[in-house]
C-alpha atoms as a PDB file:
ATOM      1  CA  MET A   1     -18.231  -8.890  -4.930  1.00  0.00           C
ATOM      2  CA  PHE A   2     -16.429  -8.473  -1.617  1.00  0.00           C
ATOM      3  CA  ASN A   3     -17.569  -6.733   1.530  1.00  0.00           C
ATOM      4  CA  THR A   4     -14.358  -5.023   2.655  1.00  0.00           C
ATOM      5  CA  ILE A   5     -10.687  -5.088   1.681  1.00  0.00           C
ATOM      6  CA  ASN A   6      -8.210  -4.486   4.501  1.00  0.00           C
ATOM      7  CA  ILE A   7      -4.667  -3.363   3.681  1.00  0.00           C
ATOM      8  CA  LEU A   8      -1.974  -2.709   6.270  1.00  0.00           C
ATOM      9  CA  PHE A   9       0.914  -0.600   4.970  1.00  0.00           C
ATOM     10  CA  CYS A  10       3.971  -0.579   7.236  1.00  0.00           C
ATOM     11  CA  GLY A  11       7.597   0.401   7.188  1.00  0.00           C
ATOM     12  CA  THR A  12       9.825   3.099   8.585  1.00  0.00           C
ATOM     13  CA  GLY A  13       9.789   6.867   8.263  1.00  0.00           C
ATOM     14  CA  GLY A  14      10.972   8.118   4.897  1.00  0.00           C
ATOM     15  CA  GLN A  15       9.954   5.017   2.907  1.00  0.00           C
ATOM     16  CA  GLY A  16       6.713   6.449   1.554  1.00  0.00           C
ATOM     17  CA  VAL A  17       4.317   4.358   3.648  1.00  0.00           C
ATOM     18  CA  LEU A  18       1.856   7.212   4.155  1.00  0.00           C
ATOM     19  CA  LYS A  19       2.062   8.347   0.517  1.00  0.00           C
ATOM     20  CA  ALA A  20       1.370   4.808  -0.716  1.00  0.00           C
ATOM     21  CA  SER A  21      -1.624   4.487   1.592  1.00  0.00           C
ATOM     22  CA  GLU A  22      -2.953   7.878   0.473  1.00  0.00           C
ATOM     23  CA  VAL A  23      -2.599   6.991  -3.225  1.00  0.00           C
ATOM     24  CA  CYS A  24      -4.429   3.695  -2.638  1.00  0.00           C
ATOM     25  CA  GLY A  25      -7.219   5.460  -0.749  1.00  0.00           C
ATOM     26  CA  VAL A  26      -7.675   8.121  -3.435  1.00  0.00           C
ATOM     27  CA  ALA A  27      -7.745   5.438  -6.161  1.00  0.00           C
ATOM     28  CA  ALA A  28     -10.369   3.467  -4.196  1.00  0.00           C
ATOM     29  CA  VAL A  29     -12.561   6.558  -3.711  1.00  0.00           C
ATOM     30  CA  ALA A  30     -12.305   7.310  -7.453  1.00  0.00           C
ATOM     31  CA  SER A  31     -13.517   3.736  -8.050  1.00  0.00           C
ATOM     32  CA  GLY A  32     -16.643   4.372  -6.002  1.00  0.00           C
ATOM     33  CA  PHE A  33     -15.681   2.701  -2.737  1.00  0.00           C
ATOM     34  CA  HIS A  34     -16.102   4.004   0.789  1.00  0.00           C
ATOM     35  CA  VAL A  35     -12.646   4.369   2.341  1.00  0.00           C
ATOM     36  CA  ARG A  36     -11.430   4.570   5.932  1.00  0.00           C
ATOM     37  CA  LYS A  37      -7.809   5.165   6.866  1.00  0.00           C
ATOM     38  CA  SER A  38      -5.805   5.508  10.052  1.00  0.00           C
ATOM     39  CA  GLU A  39      -2.110   6.277  10.480  1.00  0.00           C
ATOM     40  CA  VAL A  40       0.245   5.442  13.309  1.00  0.00           C
ATOM     41  CA  HIS A  41       3.605   7.185  13.575  1.00  0.00           C
ATOM     42  CA  GLY A  42       5.839   5.411  16.070  1.00  0.00           C
ATOM     43  CA  MET A  43       8.503   8.095  15.981  1.00  0.00           C
ATOM     44  CA  ALA A  44       8.364  11.507  14.398  1.00  0.00           C
ATOM     45  CA  GLN A  45      11.632  11.071  12.554  1.00  0.00           C
ATOM     46  CA  ARG A  46      13.136   9.334   9.574  1.00  0.00           C
ATOM     47  CA  GLY A  47      13.593   5.645  10.378  1.00  0.00           C
ATOM     48  CA  GLY A  48      10.849   5.420  13.018  1.00  0.00           C
ATOM     49  CA  SER A  49       8.041   2.859  12.779  1.00  0.00           C
ATOM     50  CA  VAL A  50       5.086   3.900  10.583  1.00  0.00           C
ATOM     51  CA  GLU A  51       1.892   2.065   9.703  1.00  0.00           C
ATOM     52  CA  SER A  52      -1.306   2.945   7.923  1.00  0.00           C
ATOM     53  CA  HIS A  53      -4.522   0.949   8.087  1.00  0.00           C
ATOM     54  CA  LEU A  54      -6.611   1.297   4.923  1.00  0.00           C
ATOM     55  CA  ARG A  55     -10.039  -0.274   4.510  1.00  0.00           C
ATOM     56  CA  PHE A  56     -12.407   0.055   1.580  1.00  0.00           C
ATOM     57  CA  GLY A  57     -15.662  -1.471   0.428  1.00  0.00           C
ATOM     58  CA  LYS A  58     -19.380  -0.790   0.093  1.00  0.00           C
ATOM     59  CA  ILE A  59     -20.031   0.445   3.637  1.00  0.00           C
ATOM     60  CA  LEU A  60     -17.685   0.425   6.602  1.00  0.00           C
ATOM     61  CA  HIS A  61     -17.286   2.317   9.821  1.00  0.00           C
ATOM     62  CA  SER A  62     -13.983   1.721  11.628  1.00  0.00           C
ATOM     63  CA  PRO A  63     -10.651   2.692  10.064  1.00  0.00           C
ATOM     64  CA  LEU A  64      -8.705   0.132  12.097  1.00  0.00           C
ATOM     65  CA  ILE A  65      -7.955  -3.397  10.955  1.00  0.00           C
ATOM     66  CA  MET A  66      -8.463  -6.019  13.631  1.00  0.00           C
ATOM     67  CA  PRO A  67      -5.640  -8.549  14.170  1.00  0.00           C
ATOM     68  CA  GLY A  68      -6.069 -11.522  11.854  1.00  0.00           C
ATOM     69  CA  CYS A  69      -8.176  -9.558   9.340  1.00  0.00           C
ATOM     70  CA  ALA A  70      -5.742  -7.886   6.895  1.00  0.00           C
ATOM     71  CA  ASP A  71      -6.103  -9.117   3.325  1.00  0.00           C
ATOM     72  CA  TYR A  72      -2.746  -7.565   2.402  1.00  0.00           C
ATOM     73  CA  LEU A  73       0.353  -6.770   4.435  1.00  0.00           C
ATOM     74  CA  VAL A  74       2.311  -4.264   2.360  1.00  0.00           C
ATOM     75  CA  SER A  75       5.567  -3.829   4.207  1.00  0.00           C
ATOM     76  CA  PHE A  76       8.510  -1.766   3.038  1.00  0.00           C
ATOM     77  CA  HIS A  77      10.760  -3.118   5.805  1.00  0.00           C
ATOM     78  CA  ALA A  78      11.324  -6.747   6.875  1.00  0.00           C
ATOM     79  CA  GLY A  79      11.447  -5.925  10.595  1.00  0.00           C
ATOM     80  CA  GLU A  80       8.155  -4.038  10.434  1.00  0.00           C
ATOM     81  CA  ALA A  81       6.586  -6.914   8.485  1.00  0.00           C
ATOM     82  CA  LYS A  82       7.581  -9.327  11.219  1.00  0.00           C
ATOM     83  CA  ARG A  83       6.131  -7.018  13.878  1.00  0.00           C
ATOM     84  CA  SER A  84       2.840  -6.706  11.966  1.00  0.00           C
ATOM     85  CA  GLN A  85       2.310 -10.352  10.934  1.00  0.00           C
ATOM     86  CA  HIS A  86      -0.463 -10.824  13.497  1.00  0.00           C
ATOM     87  CA  PHE A  87      -2.689  -8.513  11.431  1.00  0.00           C
ATOM     88  CA  LEU A  88      -2.582 -10.777   8.358  1.00  0.00           C
ATOM     89  CA  LYS A  89      -5.536 -13.114   7.994  1.00  0.00           C
ATOM     90  CA  PRO A  90      -5.072 -16.784   7.067  1.00  0.00           C
ATOM     91  CA  GLY A  91      -4.677 -16.826   3.295  1.00  0.00           C
ATOM     92  CA  GLY A  92      -3.858 -13.095   3.224  1.00  0.00           C
ATOM     93  CA  MET A  93      -1.003 -11.844   1.045  1.00  0.00           C
ATOM     94  CA  ASP A  94       2.291 -10.797   2.591  1.00  0.00           C
ATOM     95  CA  PHE A  95       4.416  -8.531   0.367  1.00  0.00           C
ATOM     96  CA  THR A  96       7.645  -9.244   2.293  1.00  0.00           C
ATOM     97  CA  PRO A  97       8.976 -11.636  -0.395  1.00  0.00           C
ATOM     98  CA  TYR A  98       8.954  -8.709  -2.843  1.00  0.00           C
ATOM     99  CA  LEU A  99      11.349  -6.605  -0.747  1.00  0.00           C
ATOM    100  CA  GLU A 100      14.381  -7.932  -2.635  1.00  0.00           C
ATOM    101  CA  GLU A 101      12.823  -6.807  -5.923  1.00  0.00           C
ATOM    102  CA  VAL A 102      12.983  -3.167  -4.777  1.00  0.00           C
ATOM    103  CA  ASN A 103      16.779  -3.418  -5.053  1.00  0.00           C
ATOM    104  CA  ASN A 104      16.342  -4.150  -8.782  1.00  0.00           C
ATOM    105  CA  LEU A 105      14.638  -0.821  -9.429  1.00  0.00           C
ATOM    106  CA  SER A 106      16.640   1.970 -11.045  1.00  0.00           C
ATOM    107  CA  ASP A 107      16.031   3.937  -7.835  1.00  0.00           C
ATOM    108  CA  PRO A 108      14.808   2.236  -4.620  1.00  0.00           C
ATOM    109  CA  ARG A 109      13.062   5.469  -3.613  1.00  0.00           C
ATOM    110  CA  PHE A 110      10.281   4.378  -5.948  1.00  0.00           C
ATOM    111  CA  GLY A 111       9.700   1.223  -3.916  1.00  0.00           C
ATOM    112  CA  ASN A 112       6.359   2.486  -2.636  1.00  0.00           C
ATOM    113  CA  THR A 113       4.934   2.910  -6.146  1.00  0.00           C
ATOM    114  CA  PHE A 114       6.421  -0.470  -7.099  1.00  0.00           C
ATOM    115  CA  PHE A 115       4.443  -2.059  -4.246  1.00  0.00           C
ATOM    116  CA  LEU A 116       1.329  -0.159  -5.344  1.00  0.00           C
ATOM    117  CA  GLY A 117       1.727  -1.753  -8.775  1.00  0.00           C
ATOM    118  CA  ILE A 118       1.772  -5.232  -7.221  1.00  0.00           C
ATOM    119  CA  LEU A 119      -1.282  -4.310  -5.162  1.00  0.00           C
ATOM    120  CA  ALA A 120      -3.053  -2.877  -8.231  1.00  0.00           C
ATOM    121  CA  ALA A 121      -2.812  -6.255  -9.950  1.00  0.00           C
ATOM    122  CA  LYS A 122      -4.870  -7.723  -7.082  1.00  0.00           C
ATOM    123  CA  LEU A 123      -7.522  -5.039  -6.517  1.00  0.00           C
ATOM    124  CA  PRO A 124     -10.706  -4.001  -8.371  1.00  0.00           C
ATOM    125  CA  ILE A 125      -9.367  -0.518  -9.185  1.00  0.00           C
ATOM    126  CA  SER A 126      -8.594   0.572 -12.750  1.00  0.00           C
ATOM    127  CA  ILE A 127      -5.084   1.549 -13.815  1.00  0.00           C
ATOM    128  CA  GLU A 128      -6.478   4.948 -14.831  1.00  0.00           C
ATOM    129  CA  ASN A 129      -7.671   5.566 -11.258  1.00  0.00           C
ATOM    130  CA  TRP A 130      -4.277   4.513  -9.888  1.00  0.00           C
ATOM    131  CA  TYR A 131      -2.473   6.947 -12.207  1.00  0.00           C
ATOM    132  CA  ALA A 132      -4.893   9.781 -11.433  1.00  0.00           C
ATOM    133  CA  ALA A 133      -4.377   9.144  -7.712  1.00  0.00           C
ATOM    134  CA  MET A 134      -0.587   9.178  -8.119  1.00  0.00           C
ATOM    135  CA  GLU A 135      -0.766  12.442 -10.044  1.00  0.00           C
ATOM    136  CA  SER A 136      -2.930  14.099  -7.377  1.00  0.00           C
ATOM    137  CA  VAL A 137      -0.998  12.805  -4.340  1.00  0.00           C
ATOM    138  CA  VAL A 138       2.601  12.547  -5.572  1.00  0.00           C
ATOM    139  CA  ALA A 139       2.747  14.857  -8.628  1.00  0.00           C
ATOM    140  CA  LYS A 140       6.551  14.544  -8.832  1.00  0.00           C
ATOM    141  CA  LYS A 141       8.695  12.427 -11.120  1.00  0.00           C
ATOM    142  CA  MET A 142       5.585  10.868 -12.642  1.00  0.00           C
ATOM    143  CA  GLU A 143       7.461   9.018 -15.396  1.00  0.00           C
ATOM    144  CA  GLU A 144       9.702   7.295 -12.842  1.00  0.00           C
ATOM    145  CA  ASN A 145       6.738   6.541 -10.567  1.00  0.00           C
ATOM    146  CA  LYS A 146       4.728   5.095 -13.464  1.00  0.00           C
ATOM    147  CA  ALA A 147       7.681   2.947 -14.540  1.00  0.00           C
ATOM    148  CA  ALA A 148       8.074   1.519 -11.007  1.00  0.00           C
ATOM    149  CA  PHE A 149       4.296   0.991 -10.789  1.00  0.00           C
ATOM    150  CA  GLN A 150       4.282  -0.892 -14.105  1.00  0.00           C
ATOM    151  CA  LYS A 151       7.161  -3.129 -12.963  1.00  0.00           C
ATOM    152  CA  GLY A 152       5.198  -3.988  -9.849  1.00  0.00           C
ATOM    153  CA  TYR A 153       1.988  -4.482 -11.783  1.00  0.00           C
ATOM    154  CA  GLN A 154       3.652  -6.956 -14.163  1.00  0.00           C
ATOM    155  CA  LEU A 155       5.180  -8.833 -11.222  1.00  0.00           C
ATOM    156  CA  GLY A 156       1.841  -8.906  -9.385  1.00  0.00           C
ATOM    157  CA  LYS A 157      -0.114 -10.457 -12.254  1.00  0.00           C
END
C-alpha cells in the first residue's frame, strides 16, 4: 500500500479543473481515504489560471503538494502544464500527452471527466465510487460524462 497520492490538477477557468478535483476527492473519501485539497484561482474569470492540489492516503495533514512530489500532473491546458512541471516528481505521470485526445471526444467540454477516467485506471478507487462521486458533484449530463470517463479509462489502462 502507498502512504500518500499527490495529484495536481491545473488548467484555465472554465475547463472544469475544480469540478474534476472535487469528484476525485469525493471518490477517494468514499473509498476510505483521508483527503486534503487546496485550490488556487489565478484570475476570477474564464480563461484565468486555476490549479487544485489534491492529496489522499491513510493520514495526512497539509493540503499542498511540495514541488517535486506530485504523482500525477493532470493538466487541461498545455501552457499550464509547462508552468506546473516543477511539481511533478521523477517518475510521476504527466497527462499533457493526452490533451490531443480531448479533441476526439464528441464534445470537448467533457474533457475533465475524460481525464478522470485516465486517472481512475491508475488509482485504487472503484469505478462505482467514481460514478457516485460524479453523480453527487456534477449531476448533469451523466450519460455523456460516463461515456467520456469510460473513453479515458480504456485509454488509461
